[in-house]
Amino acid sequence: AHQPDTEAAASTLVRRLTQQLATERRKHRED
């Protein structure tokens, strides 16, 4: 259940979603 591929995919997804959230927040502040 804790294979490195699974953890890496989860980590990549979290990182991508965190970046997307930061971008959306910045855009919201500008608006």
PDB file of all heavy atoms in Angstrom:
ATOM      1  N   ALA A   1       0.826  -1.209   0.000  1.00  0.00           N
ATOM      2  CA  ALA A   1       0.000   0.000   0.000  1.00  0.00           C
ATOM      3  C   ALA A   1       0.859   1.257   0.000  1.00  0.00           C
ATOM      4  O   ALA A   1       0.411   2.324  -0.371  1.00  0.00           O
ATOM      5  CB  ALA A   1      -0.924   0.002   1.207  1.00  0.00           C
ATOM      6  N   HIS A   2       2.117   1.134   0.427  1.00  0.00           N
ATOM      7  CA  HIS A   2       2.987   2.298   0.498  1.00  0.00           C
ATOM      8  C   HIS A   2       4.156   2.165  -0.458  1.00  0.00           C
ATOM      9  O   HIS A   2       5.301   2.406  -0.113  1.00  0.00           O
ATOM     10  CB  HIS A   2       3.500   2.466   1.938  1.00  0.00           C
ATOM     11  CG  HIS A   2       2.406   2.732   2.913  1.00  0.00           C
ATOM     12  ND1 HIS A   2       1.709   3.906   2.944  1.00  0.00           N
ATOM     13  CD2 HIS A   2       1.868   1.948   3.887  1.00  0.00           C
ATOM     14  CE1 HIS A   2       0.797   3.848   3.896  1.00  0.00           C
ATOM     15  NE2 HIS A   2       0.877   2.681   4.483  1.00  0.00           N
ATOM     16  N   GLN A   3       3.880   1.798  -1.666  1.00  0.00           N
ATOM     17  CA  GLN A   3       4.928   1.674  -2.662  1.00  0.00           C
ATOM     18  C   GLN A   3       5.436   3.066  -3.041  1.00  0.00           C
ATOM     19  O   GLN A   3       4.687   4.035  -3.021  1.00  0.00           O
ATOM     20  CB  GLN A   3       4.416   0.945  -3.899  1.00  0.00           C
ATOM     21  CG  GLN A   3       4.084  -0.509  -3.634  1.00  0.00           C
ATOM     22  CD  GLN A   3       3.505  -1.173  -4.864  1.00  0.00           C
ATOM     23  OE1 GLN A   3       3.144  -0.510  -5.819  1.00  0.00           O
ATOM     24  NE2 GLN A   3       3.407  -2.486  -4.813  1.00  0.00           N
ATOM     25  N   PRO A   4       6.706   3.169  -3.410  1.00  0.00           N
ATOM     26  CA  PRO A   4       7.269   4.478  -3.752  1.00  0.00           C
ATOM     27  C   PRO A   4       6.526   5.175  -4.891  1.00  0.00           C
ATOM     28  O   PRO A   4       6.364   6.380  -4.872  1.00  0.00           O
ATOM     29  CB  PRO A   4       8.710   4.162  -4.153  1.00  0.00           C
ATOM     30  CG  PRO A   4       9.011   2.857  -3.503  1.00  0.00           C
ATOM     31  CD  PRO A   4       7.714   2.122  -3.408  1.00  0.00           C
ATOM     32  N   ASP A   5       6.059   4.407  -5.896  1.00  0.00           N
ATOM     33  CA  ASP A   5       5.334   5.018  -7.013  1.00  0.00           C
ATOM     34  C   ASP A   5       4.053   5.685  -6.534  1.00  0.00           C
ATOM     35  O   ASP A   5       3.715   6.780  -6.976  1.00  0.00           O
ATOM     36  CB  ASP A   5       5.001   3.970  -8.078  1.00  0.00           C
ATOM     37  CG  ASP A   5       6.241   3.444  -8.782  1.00  0.00           C
ATOM     38  OD1 ASP A   5       7.283   4.138  -8.731  1.00  0.00           O
ATOM     39  OD2 ASP A   5       6.167   2.354  -9.376  1.00  0.00           O
ATOM     40  N   THR A   6       3.341   5.028  -5.647  1.00  0.00           N
ATOM     41  CA  THR A   6       2.091   5.576  -5.121  1.00  0.00           C
ATOM     42  C   THR A   6       2.366   6.838  -4.329  1.00  0.00           C
ATOM     43  O   THR A   6       1.669   7.845  -4.475  1.00  0.00           O
ATOM     44  CB  THR A   6       1.387   4.532  -4.226  1.00  0.00           C
ATOM     45  OG1 THR A   6       1.231   3.325  -4.965  1.00  0.00           O
ATOM     46  CG2 THR A   6       0.042   5.030  -3.768  1.00  0.00           C
ATOM     47  N   GLU A   7       3.401   6.803  -3.496  1.00  0.00           N
ATOM     48  CA  GLU A   7       3.737   7.974  -2.693  1.00  0.00           C
ATOM     49  C   GLU A   7       4.221   9.124  -3.575  1.00  0.00           C
ATOM     50  O   GLU A   7       3.887  10.275  -3.336  1.00  0.00           O
ATOM     51  CB  GLU A   7       4.803   7.608  -1.663  1.00  0.00           C
ATOM     52  CG  GLU A   7       4.279   6.701  -0.576  1.00  0.00           C
ATOM     53  CD  GLU A   7       5.367   6.246   0.381  1.00  0.00           C
ATOM     54  OE1 GLU A   7       6.515   6.724   0.260  1.00  0.00           O
ATOM     55  OE2 GLU A   7       5.054   5.417   1.241  1.00  0.00           O
ATOM     56  N   ALA A   8       4.983   8.818  -4.606  1.00  0.00           N
ATOM     57  CA  ALA A   8       5.472   9.859  -5.509  1.00  0.00           C
ATOM     58  C   ALA A   8       4.318  10.498  -6.267  1.00  0.00           C
ATOM     59  O   ALA A   8       4.276  11.722  -6.434  1.00  0.00           O
ATOM     60  CB  ALA A   8       6.486   9.279  -6.484  1.00  0.00           C
ATOM     61  N   ALA A   9       3.379   9.680  -6.715  1.00  0.00           N
ATOM     62  CA  ALA A   9       2.215  10.216  -7.430  1.00  0.00           C
ATOM     63  C   ALA A   9       1.386  11.105  -6.515  1.00  0.00           C
ATOM     64  O   ALA A   9       0.944  12.182  -6.930  1.00  0.00           O
ATOM     65  CB  ALA A   9       1.366   9.079  -7.979  1.00  0.00           C
ATOM     66  N   ALA A  10       1.205  10.670  -5.287  1.00  0.00           N
ATOM     67  CA  ALA A  10       0.443  11.479  -4.334  1.00  0.00           C
ATOM     68  C   ALA A  10       1.176  12.779  -4.049  1.00  0.00           C
ATOM     69  O   ALA A  10       0.564  13.851  -3.978  1.00  0.00           O
ATOM     70  CB  ALA A  10       0.215  10.692  -3.045  1.00  0.00           C
ATOM     71  N   SER A  11       2.501  12.709  -3.915  1.00  0.00           N
ATOM     72  CA  SER A  11       3.292  13.898  -3.648  1.00  0.00           C
ATOM     73  C   SER A  11       3.215  14.875  -4.819  1.00  0.00           C
ATOM     74  O   SER A  11       3.081  16.074  -4.625  1.00  0.00           O
ATOM     75  CB  SER A  11       4.741  13.499  -3.393  1.00  0.00           C
ATOM     76  OG  SER A  11       5.538  14.633  -3.216  1.00  0.00           O
ATOM     77  N   THR A  12       3.299  14.357  -6.039  1.00  0.00           N
ATOM     78  CA  THR A  12       3.205  15.206  -7.226  1.00  0.00           C
ATOM     79  C   THR A  12       1.838  15.865  -7.311  1.00  0.00           C
ATOM     80  O   THR A  12       1.734  17.058  -7.610  1.00  0.00           O
ATOM     81  CB  THR A  12       3.462  14.367  -8.493  1.00  0.00           C
ATOM     82  OG1 THR A  12       4.750  13.767  -8.388  1.00  0.00           O
ATOM     83  CG2 THR A  12       3.387  15.215  -9.742  1.00  0.00           C
ATOM     84  N   LEU A  13       0.800  15.100  -7.032  1.00  0.00           N
ATOM     85  CA  LEU A  13      -0.556  15.650  -7.070  1.00  0.00           C
ATOM     86  C   LEU A  13      -0.719  16.747  -6.034  1.00  0.00           C
ATOM     87  O   LEU A  13      -1.263  17.819  -6.328  1.00  0.00           O
ATOM     88  CB  LEU A  13      -1.584  14.537  -6.833  1.00  0.00           C
ATOM     89  CG  LEU A  13      -3.038  14.969  -6.815  1.00  0.00           C
ATOM     90  CD1 LEU A  13      -3.442  15.548  -8.169  1.00  0.00           C
ATOM     91  CD2 LEU A  13      -3.927  13.793  -6.458  1.00  0.00           C
ATOM     92  N   VAL A  14      -0.232  16.520  -4.832  1.00  0.00           N
ATOM     93  CA  VAL A  14      -0.332  17.524  -3.774  1.00  0.00           C
ATOM     94  C   VAL A  14       0.427  18.781  -4.170  1.00  0.00           C
ATOM     95  O   VAL A  14      -0.064  19.900  -4.003  1.00  0.00           O
ATOM     96  CB  VAL A  14       0.185  16.961  -2.429  1.00  0.00           C
ATOM     97  CG1 VAL A  14       0.345  18.060  -1.402  1.00  0.00           C
ATOM     98  CG2 VAL A  14      -0.744  15.876  -1.916  1.00  0.00           C
ATOM     99  N   ARG A  15       1.617  18.605  -4.707  1.00  0.00           N
ATOM    100  CA  ARG A  15       2.425  19.757  -5.121  1.00  0.00           C
ATOM    101  C   ARG A  15       1.716  20.542  -6.222  1.00  0.00           C
ATOM    102  O   ARG A  15       1.646  21.769  -6.187  1.00  0.00           O
ATOM    103  CB  ARG A  15       3.805  19.272  -5.586  1.00  0.00           C
ATOM    104  CG  ARG A  15       4.795  20.375  -5.816  1.00  0.00           C
ATOM    105  CD  ARG A  15       6.231  19.906  -6.093  1.00  0.00           C
ATOM    106  NE  ARG A  15       6.383  18.603  -6.722  1.00  0.00           N
ATOM    107  CZ  ARG A  15       6.749  17.485  -6.077  1.00  0.00           C
ATOM    108  NH1 ARG A  15       6.971  17.516  -4.788  1.00  0.00           N
ATOM    109  NH2 ARG A  15       6.878  16.351  -6.719  1.00  0.00           N
ATOM    110  N   ARG A  16       1.174  19.827  -7.212  1.00  0.00           N
ATOM    111  CA  ARG A  16       0.481  20.490  -8.320  1.00  0.00           C
ATOM    112  C   ARG A  16      -0.755  21.246  -7.822  1.00  0.00           C
ATOM    113  O   ARG A  16      -1.003  22.387  -8.216  1.00  0.00           O
ATOM    114  CB  ARG A  16       0.083  19.459  -9.371  1.00  0.00           C
ATOM    115  CG  ARG A  16      -0.409  20.092 -10.644  1.00  0.00           C
ATOM    116  CD  ARG A  16      -0.588  19.118 -11.788  1.00  0.00           C
ATOM    117  NE  ARG A  16      -0.403  17.727 -11.413  1.00  0.00           N
ATOM    118  CZ  ARG A  16      -1.176  16.735 -11.805  1.00  0.00           C
ATOM    119  NH1 ARG A  16      -2.188  16.972 -12.603  1.00  0.00           N
ATOM    120  NH2 ARG A  16      -0.948  15.497 -11.434  1.00  0.00           N
ATOM    121  N   LEU A  17      -1.521  20.613  -6.947  1.00  0.00           N
ATOM    122  CA  LEU A  17      -2.721  21.269  -6.416  1.00  0.00           C
ATOM    123  C   LEU A  17      -2.362  22.467  -5.544  1.00  0.00           C
ATOM    124  O   LEU A  17      -3.057  23.489  -5.551  1.00  0.00           O
ATOM    125  CB  LEU A  17      -3.570  20.274  -5.636  1.00  0.00           C
ATOM    126  CG  LEU A  17      -4.286  19.226  -6.487  1.00  0.00           C
ATOM    127  CD1 LEU A  17      -4.971  18.195  -5.602  1.00  0.00           C
ATOM    128  CD2 LEU A  17      -5.289  19.868  -7.428  1.00  0.00           C
ATOM    129  N   THR A  18      -1.260  22.378  -4.808  1.00  0.00           N
ATOM    130  CA  THR A  18      -0.810  23.493  -3.982  1.00  0.00           C
ATOM    131  C   THR A  18      -0.417  24.673  -4.858  1.00  0.00           C
ATOM    132  O   THR A  18      -0.761  25.825  -4.565  1.00  0.00           O
ATOM    133  CB  THR A  18       0.378  23.059  -3.098  1.00  0.00           C
ATOM    134  OG1 THR A  18      -0.038  21.955  -2.291  1.00  0.00           O
ATOM    135  CG2 THR A  18       0.853  24.193  -2.210  1.00  0.00           C
ATOM    136  N   GLN A  19       0.284  24.391  -5.955  1.00  0.00           N
ATOM    137  CA  GLN A  19       0.670  25.459  -6.883  1.00  0.00           C
ATOM    138  C   GLN A  19      -0.565  26.079  -7.530  1.00  0.00           C
ATOM    139  O   GLN A  19      -0.652  27.302  -7.674  1.00  0.00           O
ATOM    140  CB  GLN A  19       1.609  24.916  -7.958  1.00  0.00           C
ATOM    141  CG  GLN A  19       2.981  24.576  -7.446  1.00  0.00           C
ATOM    142  CD  GLN A  19       3.827  23.836  -8.479  1.00  0.00           C
ATOM    143  OE1 GLN A  19       3.317  23.365  -9.489  1.00  0.00           O
ATOM    144  NE2 GLN A  19       5.123  23.718  -8.207  1.00  0.00           N
ATOM    145  N   GLN A  20      -1.524  25.243  -7.903  1.00  0.00           N
ATOM    146  CA  GLN A  20      -2.745  25.746  -8.517  1.00  0.00           C
ATOM    147  C   GLN A  20      -3.516  26.628  -7.530  1.00  0.00           C
ATOM    148  O   GLN A  20      -4.029  27.686  -7.906  1.00  0.00           O
ATOM    149  CB  GLN A  20      -3.617  24.573  -8.975  1.00  0.00           C
ATOM    150  CG  GLN A  20      -4.867  24.991  -9.716  1.00  0.00           C
ATOM    151  CD  GLN A  20      -5.685  23.780 -10.160  1.00  0.00           C
ATOM    152  OE1 GLN A  20      -5.306  22.641  -9.927  1.00  0.00           O
ATOM    153  NE2 GLN A  20      -6.813  24.034 -10.779  1.00  0.00           N
ATOM    154  N   LEU A  21      -3.572  26.212  -6.278  1.00  0.00           N
ATOM    155  CA  LEU A  21      -4.258  26.995  -5.256  1.00  0.00           C
ATOM    156  C   LEU A  21      -3.562  28.337  -5.051  1.00  0.00           C
ATOM    157  O   LEU A  21      -4.227  29.379  -4.950  1.00  0.00           O
ATOM    158  CB  LEU A  21      -4.305  26.214  -3.937  1.00  0.00           C
ATOM    159  CG  LEU A  21      -4.997  26.894  -2.773  1.00  0.00           C
ATOM    160  CD1 LEU A  21      -6.461  27.164  -3.107  1.00  0.00           C
ATOM    161  CD2 LEU A  21      -4.893  26.037  -1.531  1.00  0.00           C
ATOM    162  N   ALA A  22      -2.235  28.350  -5.025  1.00  0.00           N
ATOM    163  CA  ALA A  22      -1.492  29.599  -4.868  1.00  0.00           C
ATOM    164  C   ALA A  22      -1.756  30.535  -6.037  1.00  0.00           C
ATOM    165  O   ALA A  22      -1.948  31.750  -5.856  1.00  0.00           O
ATOM    166  CB  ALA A  22       0.002  29.304  -4.744  1.00  0.00           C
ATOM    167  N   THR A  23      -1.795  29.992  -7.260  1.00  0.00           N
ATOM    168  CA  THR A  23      -2.082  30.799  -8.449  1.00  0.00           C
ATOM    169  C   THR A  23      -3.484  31.398  -8.376  1.00  0.00           C
ATOM    170  O   THR A  23      -3.693  32.582  -8.654  1.00  0.00           O
ATOM    171  CB  THR A  23      -1.934  29.941  -9.720  1.00  0.00           C
ATOM    172  OG1 THR A  23      -0.605  29.407  -9.758  1.00  0.00           O
ATOM    173  CG2 THR A  23      -2.210  30.748 -10.980  1.00  0.00           C
ATOM    174  N   GLU A  24      -4.456  30.580  -7.994  1.00  0.00           N
ATOM    175  CA  GLU A  24      -5.837  31.058  -7.895  1.00  0.00           C
ATOM    176  C   GLU A  24      -5.974  32.131  -6.811  1.00  0.00           C
ATOM    177  O   GLU A  24      -6.697  33.110  -6.996  1.00  0.00           O
ATOM    178  CB  GLU A  24      -6.784  29.892  -7.596  1.00  0.00           C
ATOM    179  CG  GLU A  24      -6.951  28.926  -8.756  1.00  0.00           C
ATOM    180  CD  GLU A  24      -7.630  29.561  -9.957  1.00  0.00           C
ATOM    181  OE1 GLU A  24      -8.558  30.380  -9.784  1.00  0.00           O
ATOM    182  OE2 GLU A  24      -7.226  29.250 -11.084  1.00  0.00           O
ATOM    183  N   ARG A  25      -5.282  31.969  -5.705  1.00  0.00           N
ATOM    184  CA  ARG A  25      -5.343  32.972  -4.633  1.00  0.00           C
ATOM    185  C   ARG A  25      -4.727  34.288  -5.096  1.00  0.00           C
ATOM    186  O   ARG A  25      -5.257  35.364  -4.802  1.00  0.00           O
ATOM    187  CB  ARG A  25      -4.611  32.466  -3.390  1.00  0.00           C
ATOM    188  CG  ARG A  25      -5.407  31.458  -2.607  1.00  0.00           C
ATOM    189  CD  ARG A  25      -4.655  31.021  -1.376  1.00  0.00           C
ATOM    190  NE  ARG A  25      -5.484  30.143  -0.564  1.00  0.00           N
ATOM    191  CZ  ARG A  25      -5.031  29.424   0.431  1.00  0.00           C
ATOM    192  NH1 ARG A  25      -3.751  29.457   0.759  1.00  0.00           N
ATOM    193  NH2 ARG A  25      -5.845  28.656   1.118  1.00  0.00           N
ATOM    194  N   ARG A  26      -3.588  34.226  -5.806  1.00  0.00           N
ATOM    195  CA  ARG A  26      -2.950  35.430  -6.311  1.00  0.00           C
ATOM    196  C   ARG A  26      -3.874  36.146  -7.288  1.00  0.00           C
ATOM    197  O   ARG A  26      -4.071  37.360  -7.210  1.00  0.00           O
ATOM    198  CB  ARG A  26      -1.613  35.082  -6.990  1.00  0.00           C
ATOM    199  CG  ARG A  26      -0.856  36.307  -7.508  1.00  0.00           C
ATOM    200  CD  ARG A  26       0.443  35.954  -8.225  1.00  0.00           C
ATOM    201  NE  ARG A  26       0.431  34.772  -9.063  1.00  0.00           N
ATOM    202  CZ  ARG A  26      -0.133  34.678 -10.271  1.00  0.00           C
ATOM    203  NH1 ARG A  26      -0.752  35.716 -10.785  1.00  0.00           N
ATOM    204  NH2 ARG A  26      -0.070  33.562 -10.963  1.00  0.00           N
ATOM    205  N   LYS A  27      -4.483  35.378  -8.196  1.00  0.00           N
ATOM    206  CA  LYS A  27      -5.409  35.955  -9.171  1.00  0.00           C
ATOM    207  C   LYS A  27      -6.601  36.594  -8.465  1.00  0.00           C
ATOM    208  O   LYS A  27      -7.045  37.684  -8.821  1.00  0.00           O
ATOM    209  CB  LYS A  27      -5.888  34.869 -10.132  1.00  0.00           C
ATOM    210  CG  LYS A  27      -6.779  35.367 -11.246  1.00  0.00           C
ATOM    211  CD  LYS A  27      -7.157  34.226 -12.184  1.00  0.00           C
ATOM    212  CE  LYS A  27      -8.045  34.680 -13.293  1.00  0.00           C
ATOM    213  NZ  LYS A  27      -9.428  34.865 -12.903  1.00  0.00           N
ATOM    214  N   HIS A  28      -7.093  35.929  -7.436  1.00  0.00           N
ATOM    215  CA  HIS A  28      -8.222  36.461  -6.667  1.00  0.00           C
ATOM    216  C   HIS A  28      -7.840  37.791  -5.999  1.00  0.00           C
ATOM    217  O   HIS A  28      -8.620  38.752  -6.041  1.00  0.00           O
ATOM    218  CB  HIS A  28      -8.670  35.434  -5.620  1.00  0.00           C
ATOM    219  CG  HIS A  28      -9.762  35.917  -4.729  1.00  0.00           C
ATOM    220  ND1 HIS A  28     -11.057  36.072  -5.154  1.00  0.00           N
ATOM    221  CD2 HIS A  28      -9.746  36.279  -3.425  1.00  0.00           C
ATOM    222  CE1 HIS A  28     -11.788  36.529  -4.158  1.00  0.00           C
ATOM    223  NE2 HIS A  28     -11.023  36.651  -3.090  1.00  0.00           N
ATOM    224  N   ARG A  29      -6.642  37.849  -5.400  1.00  0.00           N
ATOM    225  CA  ARG A  29      -6.198  39.088  -4.753  1.00  0.00           C
ATOM    226  C   ARG A  29      -6.082  40.216  -5.774  1.00  0.00           C
ATOM    227  O   ARG A  29      -6.467  41.359  -5.501  1.00  0.00           O
ATOM    228  CB  ARG A  29      -4.852  38.864  -4.061  1.00  0.00           C
ATOM    229  CG  ARG A  29      -4.964  38.177  -2.716  1.00  0.00           C
ATOM    230  CD  ARG A  29      -3.648  38.256  -1.937  1.00  0.00           C
ATOM    231  NE  ARG A  29      -2.525  37.661  -2.638  1.00  0.00           N
ATOM    232  CZ  ARG A  29      -2.172  36.379  -2.561  1.00  0.00           C
ATOM    233  NH1 ARG A  29      -2.870  35.556  -1.814  1.00  0.00           N
ATOM    234  NH2 ARG A  29      -1.125  35.919  -3.231  1.00  0.00           N
ATOM    235  N   GLU A  30      -5.560  39.910  -6.973  1.00  0.00           N
ATOM    236  CA  GLU A  30      -5.443  40.927  -8.023  1.00  0.00           C
ATOM    237  C   GLU A  30      -6.817  41.416  -8.458  1.00  0.00           C
ATOM    238  O   GLU A  30      -7.030  42.621  -8.635  1.00  0.00           O
ATOM    239  CB  GLU A  30      -4.671  40.364  -9.216  1.00  0.00           C
ATOM    240  CG  GLU A  30      -3.202  40.119  -8.946  1.00  0.00           C
ATOM    241  CD  GLU A  30      -2.507  39.351 -10.068  1.00  0.00           C
ATOM    242  OE1 GLU A  30      -3.173  38.952 -11.053  1.00  0.00           O
ATOM    243  OE2 GLU A  30      -1.284  39.129  -9.951  1.00  0.00           O
ATOM    244  N   ASP A  31      -7.754  40.498  -8.632  1.00  0.00           N
ATOM    245  CA  ASP A  31      -9.118  40.874  -9.030  1.00  0.00           C
ATOM    246  C   ASP A  31      -9.772  41.756  -7.975  1.00  0.00           C
ATOM    247  O   ASP A  31     -10.420  42.763  -8.294  1.00  0.00           O
ATOM    248  CB  ASP A  31      -9.976  39.622  -9.273  1.00  0.00           C
ATOM    249  CG  ASP A  31      -9.571  38.846 -10.509  1.00  0.00           C
ATOM    250  OD1 ASP A  31      -8.793  39.373 -11.329  1.00  0.00           O
ATOM    251  OD2 ASP A  31     -10.035  37.679 -10.642  1.00  0.00           O
TER     252      ASP A  31
END
